[in-house]
Amino acid sequence: MPDQSLLLLLDEVRGKTLRLLHGLTDQEAHWPPPELHNHILWHAGHSFVLVESLTTEAVGDLPQIPEEWFGIFSWESKPAQVASYRWPPLAQVVAELTEQHVRLRRIIQGLSDEQLSRLLPGRGNHTARYTIVHALHDEACHSGEIWLLRKLIRSSAKEKSRAHHP
């Protein structure tokens, strides 16, 4: 029987991420706040790479990450050093997140409790279930960053508007 809590967590976390990305322009998605380097597009792509890497590791599959994405979106990436032409458009990231949601939902739905409870080699006492929860928790944190950046973008736009129309 599928783990309904994992499926619910996947749906809730990914649904929130996708809702927060809805309606953004590419310009907004690339806006880095002062003193920081991680913009909305990086948080969205990072969520894809991290969830893909950890979930597929947990179930013994190979990750399906678009070419060059690991270099620009992984935990090893340095967004401030990525040339502007290397970033994929926001629409592509949203499409990949949407497809990944469907694919991972199908994979998780097919896992037994025994498979989810299996200890992962080299991960101490971490099970496949723990690793998937950890990946989704990380995405939820990045979703919070996206939400905050959206608020900062809106606040910045309002300040600019007030400055031009006193």
C-alpha atoms as a PDB file:
ATOM      1  CA  MET A   1       0.000   0.000   0.000  1.00  0.00           C
ATOM      2  CA  PRO A   2       1.411   3.434  -0.933  1.00  0.00           C
ATOM      3  CA  ASP A   3       2.626   5.751   1.813  1.00  0.00           C
ATOM      4  CA  GLN A   4      -0.173   8.351   1.727  1.00  0.00           C
ATOM      5  CA  SER A   5       1.749  10.777   3.962  1.00  0.00           C
ATOM      6  CA  LEU A   6       4.693  10.874   1.560  1.00  0.00           C
ATOM      7  CA  LEU A   7       2.374  11.419  -1.374  1.00  0.00           C
ATOM      8  CA  LEU A   8       0.549  14.182   0.497  1.00  0.00           C
ATOM      9  CA  LEU A   9       3.853  15.843   1.393  1.00  0.00           C
ATOM     10  CA  LEU A  10       5.023  15.650  -2.226  1.00  0.00           C
ATOM     11  CA  ASP A  11       1.768  17.160  -3.481  1.00  0.00           C
ATOM     12  CA  GLU A  12       1.712  19.932  -0.862  1.00  0.00           C
ATOM     13  CA  VAL A  13       5.346  20.972  -1.176  1.00  0.00           C
ATOM     14  CA  ARG A  14       5.540  20.815  -4.968  1.00  0.00           C
ATOM     15  CA  GLY A  15       2.129  22.419  -5.327  1.00  0.00           C
ATOM     16  CA  LYS A  16       3.261  25.367  -3.199  1.00  0.00           C
ATOM     17  CA  THR A  17       6.494  25.750  -5.156  1.00  0.00           C
ATOM     18  CA  LEU A  18       4.608  25.780  -8.462  1.00  0.00           C
ATOM     19  CA  ARG A  19       1.988  28.248  -7.161  1.00  0.00           C
ATOM     20  CA  LEU A  20       4.745  30.630  -6.049  1.00  0.00           C
ATOM     21  CA  LEU A  21       6.399  30.471  -9.473  1.00  0.00           C
ATOM     22  CA  HIS A  22       3.109  31.135 -11.285  1.00  0.00           C
ATOM     23  CA  GLY A  23       2.881  34.609 -12.780  1.00  0.00           C
ATOM     24  CA  LEU A  24       6.534  35.523 -12.340  1.00  0.00           C
ATOM     25  CA  THR A  25       8.466  37.032 -15.208  1.00  0.00           C
ATOM     26  CA  ASP A  26      11.934  35.858 -16.153  1.00  0.00           C
ATOM     27  CA  GLN A  27      13.224  39.241 -14.976  1.00  0.00           C
ATOM     28  CA  GLU A  28      11.666  38.740 -11.527  1.00  0.00           C
ATOM     29  CA  ALA A  29      12.949  35.166 -11.378  1.00  0.00           C
ATOM     30  CA  HIS A  30      16.515  36.423 -11.957  1.00  0.00           C
ATOM     31  CA  TRP A  31      16.425  39.247  -9.399  1.00  0.00           C
ATOM     32  CA  PRO A  32      19.038  38.719  -6.685  1.00  0.00           C
ATOM     33  CA  PRO A  33      18.351  40.643  -3.490  1.00  0.00           C
ATOM     34  CA  PRO A  34      21.087  43.024  -2.313  1.00  0.00           C
ATOM     35  CA  GLU A  35      23.997  41.197  -0.678  1.00  0.00           C
ATOM     36  CA  LEU A  36      22.666  37.773  -1.745  1.00  0.00           C
ATOM     37  CA  HIS A  37      23.221  35.666  -4.860  1.00  0.00           C
ATOM     38  CA  ASN A  38      20.373  33.147  -4.916  1.00  0.00           C
ATOM     39  CA  HIS A  39      17.449  34.338  -6.969  1.00  0.00           C
ATOM     40  CA  ILE A  40      14.060  32.681  -7.427  1.00  0.00           C
ATOM     41  CA  LEU A  41      15.163  30.757 -10.509  1.00  0.00           C
ATOM     42  CA  TRP A  42      18.074  29.239  -8.578  1.00  0.00           C
ATOM     43  CA  HIS A  43      15.819  28.184  -5.679  1.00  0.00           C
ATOM     44  CA  ALA A  44      13.369  26.566  -8.127  1.00  0.00           C
ATOM     45  CA  GLY A  45      16.061  24.735 -10.098  1.00  0.00           C
ATOM     46  CA  HIS A  46      17.855  23.740  -6.905  1.00  0.00           C
ATOM     47  CA  SER A  47      14.635  22.194  -5.616  1.00  0.00           C
ATOM     48  CA  PHE A  48      14.415  20.128  -8.803  1.00  0.00           C
ATOM     49  CA  VAL A  49      18.036  18.935  -8.609  1.00  0.00           C
ATOM     50  CA  LEU A  50      17.998  18.155  -4.904  1.00  0.00           C
ATOM     51  CA  VAL A  51      14.652  16.321  -4.901  1.00  0.00           C
ATOM     52  CA  GLU A  52      15.671  14.404  -8.029  1.00  0.00           C
ATOM     53  CA  SER A  53      19.077  13.438  -6.655  1.00  0.00           C
ATOM     54  CA  LEU A  54      17.926  12.347  -3.204  1.00  0.00           C
ATOM     55  CA  THR A  55      14.699  10.634  -4.246  1.00  0.00           C
ATOM     56  CA  THR A  56      16.242   8.617  -7.050  1.00  0.00           C
ATOM     57  CA  GLU A  57      19.133   7.645  -4.770  1.00  0.00           C
ATOM     58  CA  ALA A  58      16.602   6.497  -2.167  1.00  0.00           C
ATOM     59  CA  VAL A  59      14.839   4.220  -4.651  1.00  0.00           C
ATOM     60  CA  GLY A  60      17.956   3.008  -6.480  1.00  0.00           C
ATOM     61  CA  ASP A  61      17.307   4.832  -9.758  1.00  0.00           C
ATOM     62  CA  LEU A  62      19.496   7.215 -11.736  1.00  0.00           C
ATOM     63  CA  PRO A  63      18.582  10.908 -11.581  1.00  0.00           C
ATOM     64  CA  GLN A  64      17.071  12.519 -14.673  1.00  0.00           C
ATOM     65  CA  ILE A  65      18.589  16.000 -14.562  1.00  0.00           C
ATOM     66  CA  PRO A  66      18.733  18.201 -17.662  1.00  0.00           C
ATOM     67  CA  GLU A  67      22.215  18.761 -19.045  1.00  0.00           C
ATOM     68  CA  GLU A  68      24.164  21.486 -17.198  1.00  0.00           C
ATOM     69  CA  TRP A  69      21.553  21.830 -14.447  1.00  0.00           C
ATOM     70  CA  PHE A  70      23.649  20.129 -11.787  1.00  0.00           C
ATOM     71  CA  GLY A  71      26.424  22.667 -12.321  1.00  0.00           C
ATOM     72  CA  ILE A  72      24.151  25.679 -11.943  1.00  0.00           C
ATOM     73  CA  PHE A  73      21.532  24.426  -9.455  1.00  0.00           C
ATOM     74  CA  SER A  74      23.261  21.930  -7.149  1.00  0.00           C
ATOM     75  CA  TRP A  75      24.496  22.419  -3.598  1.00  0.00           C
ATOM     76  CA  GLU A  76      27.947  22.925  -5.155  1.00  0.00           C
ATOM     77  CA  SER A  77      26.804  25.745  -7.456  1.00  0.00           C
ATOM     78  CA  LYS A  78      27.771  29.384  -7.231  1.00  0.00           C
ATOM     79  CA  PRO A  79      24.854  31.304  -8.814  1.00  0.00           C
ATOM     80  CA  ALA A  80      26.712  34.639  -8.865  1.00  0.00           C
ATOM     81  CA  GLN A  81      29.329  33.067 -11.149  1.00  0.00           C
ATOM     82  CA  VAL A  82      26.877  31.582 -13.660  1.00  0.00           C
ATOM     83  CA  ALA A  83      26.809  33.473 -16.966  1.00  0.00           C
ATOM     84  CA  SER A  84      23.362  34.890 -17.743  1.00  0.00           C
ATOM     85  CA  TYR A  85      23.047  32.902 -20.995  1.00  0.00           C
ATOM     86  CA  ARG A  86      23.439  29.586 -19.106  1.00  0.00           C
ATOM     87  CA  TRP A  87      20.266  29.975 -17.031  1.00  0.00           C
ATOM     88  CA  PRO A  88      17.255  28.143 -18.465  1.00  0.00           C
ATOM     89  CA  PRO A  89      14.048  30.158 -18.855  1.00  0.00           C
ATOM     90  CA  LEU A  90      11.655  30.062 -15.904  1.00  0.00           C
ATOM     91  CA  ALA A  91       9.046  28.304 -18.068  1.00  0.00           C
ATOM     92  CA  GLN A  92      11.448  25.388 -18.651  1.00  0.00           C
ATOM     93  CA  VAL A  93      12.154  25.053 -14.926  1.00  0.00           C
ATOM     94  CA  VAL A  94       8.418  25.085 -14.176  1.00  0.00           C
ATOM     95  CA  ALA A  95       7.816  22.442 -16.870  1.00  0.00           C
ATOM     96  CA  GLU A  96      10.573  20.226 -15.426  1.00  0.00           C
ATOM     97  CA  LEU A  97       9.210  20.633 -11.880  1.00  0.00           C
ATOM     98  CA  THR A  98       5.714  19.735 -13.116  1.00  0.00           C
ATOM     99  CA  GLU A  99       6.904  16.641 -14.997  1.00  0.00           C
ATOM    100  CA  GLN A 100       9.082  15.597 -12.068  1.00  0.00           C
ATOM    101  CA  HIS A 101       6.107  15.815  -9.712  1.00  0.00           C
ATOM    102  CA  VAL A 102       4.094  13.394 -11.859  1.00  0.00           C
ATOM    103  CA  ARG A 103       7.037  11.015 -12.316  1.00  0.00           C
ATOM    104  CA  LEU A 104       8.086  10.972  -8.646  1.00  0.00           C
ATOM    105  CA  ARG A 105       4.485  10.569  -7.520  1.00  0.00           C
ATOM    106  CA  ARG A 106       4.239   7.452  -9.678  1.00  0.00           C
ATOM    107  CA  ILE A 107       7.544   6.122  -8.262  1.00  0.00           C
ATOM    108  CA  ILE A 108       6.641   6.813  -4.625  1.00  0.00           C
ATOM    109  CA  GLN A 109       3.178   5.326  -5.126  1.00  0.00           C
ATOM    110  CA  GLY A 110       4.790   2.074  -6.188  1.00  0.00           C
ATOM    111  CA  LEU A 111       7.054   1.738  -3.132  1.00  0.00           C
ATOM    112  CA  SER A 112       6.215  -0.724  -0.398  1.00  0.00           C
ATOM    113  CA  ASP A 113       6.704  -0.008   3.291  1.00  0.00           C
ATOM    114  CA  GLU A 114       9.617  -2.444   3.196  1.00  0.00           C
ATOM    115  CA  GLN A 115      11.301  -0.497   0.382  1.00  0.00           C
ATOM    116  CA  LEU A 116      10.749   2.825   2.168  1.00  0.00           C
ATOM    117  CA  SER A 117      12.116   1.398   5.431  1.00  0.00           C
ATOM    118  CA  ARG A 118      15.315   0.107   3.801  1.00  0.00           C
ATOM    119  CA  LEU A 119      18.525   1.631   5.180  1.00  0.00           C
ATOM    120  CA  LEU A 120      20.576   3.380   2.514  1.00  0.00           C
ATOM    121  CA  PRO A 121      24.230   2.362   2.188  1.00  0.00           C
ATOM    122  CA  GLY A 122      26.579   5.049   3.441  1.00  0.00           C
ATOM    123  CA  ARG A 123      23.759   7.055   5.031  1.00  0.00           C
ATOM    124  CA  GLY A 124      23.966   5.778   8.613  1.00  0.00           C
ATOM    125  CA  ASN A 125      20.480   5.115   9.984  1.00  0.00           C
ATOM    126  CA  HIS A 126      18.747   6.961   7.156  1.00  0.00           C
ATOM    127  CA  THR A 127      16.076   5.072   5.313  1.00  0.00           C
ATOM    128  CA  ALA A 128      14.687   5.672   1.846  1.00  0.00           C
ATOM    129  CA  ARG A 129      11.631   7.274   3.506  1.00  0.00           C
ATOM    130  CA  TYR A 130      13.807   9.624   5.567  1.00  0.00           C
ATOM    131  CA  THR A 131      15.793  10.655   2.479  1.00  0.00           C
ATOM    132  CA  ILE A 132      12.641  11.470   0.502  1.00  0.00           C
ATOM    133  CA  VAL A 133      11.188  13.441   3.436  1.00  0.00           C
ATOM    134  CA  HIS A 134      14.504  15.288   3.788  1.00  0.00           C
ATOM    135  CA  ALA A 135      14.448  16.208   0.081  1.00  0.00           C
ATOM    136  CA  LEU A 136      10.876  17.517   0.295  1.00  0.00           C
ATOM    137  CA  HIS A 137      11.636  19.404   3.507  1.00  0.00           C
ATOM    138  CA  ASP A 138      14.551  21.074   1.741  1.00  0.00           C
ATOM    139  CA  GLU A 139      12.268  22.071  -1.133  1.00  0.00           C
ATOM    140  CA  ALA A 140       9.776  23.488   1.384  1.00  0.00           C
ATOM    141  CA  CYS A 141      12.556  25.664   2.811  1.00  0.00           C
ATOM    142  CA  HIS A 142      13.476  26.883  -0.673  1.00  0.00           C
ATOM    143  CA  SER A 143       9.815  27.505  -1.380  1.00  0.00           C
ATOM    144  CA  GLY A 144       9.843  29.815   1.643  1.00  0.00           C
ATOM    145  CA  GLU A 145      12.813  31.645   0.143  1.00  0.00           C
ATOM    146  CA  ILE A 146      10.896  32.039  -3.129  1.00  0.00           C
ATOM    147  CA  TRP A 147       7.920  33.444  -1.200  1.00  0.00           C
ATOM    148  CA  LEU A 148      10.172  35.946   0.593  1.00  0.00           C
ATOM    149  CA  LEU A 149      11.864  36.996  -2.649  1.00  0.00           C
ATOM    150  CA  ARG A 150       8.441  37.559  -4.244  1.00  0.00           C
ATOM    151  CA  LYS A 151       7.541  39.834  -1.333  1.00  0.00           C
ATOM    152  CA  LEU A 152      10.817  41.739  -1.715  1.00  0.00           C
ATOM    153  CA  ILE A 153      10.257  42.125  -5.457  1.00  0.00           C
ATOM    154  CA  ARG A 154       6.746  43.504  -4.887  1.00  0.00           C
ATOM    155  CA  SER A 155       8.009  45.828  -2.139  1.00  0.00           C
ATOM    156  CA  SER A 156      10.836  47.056  -4.352  1.00  0.00           C
ATOM    157  CA  ALA A 157       8.405  47.719  -7.225  1.00  0.00           C
ATOM    158  CA  LYS A 158       6.103  49.703  -4.916  1.00  0.00           C
ATOM    159  CA  GLU A 159       9.027  51.813  -3.684  1.00  0.00           C
ATOM    160  CA  LYS A 160      10.132  52.542  -7.260  1.00  0.00           C
ATOM    161  CA  SER A 161       6.568  53.487  -8.174  1.00  0.00           C
ATOM    162  CA  ARG A 162       6.287  55.873  -5.217  1.00  0.00           C
ATOM    163  CA  ALA A 163       9.658  57.439  -6.085  1.00  0.00           C
ATOM    164  CA  HIS A 164       8.454  58.168  -9.627  1.00  0.00           C
ATOM    165  CA  HIS A 165       4.969  59.348  -8.597  1.00  0.00           C
ATOM    166  CA  PRO A 166       5.263  61.379  -5.385  1.00  0.00           C
END
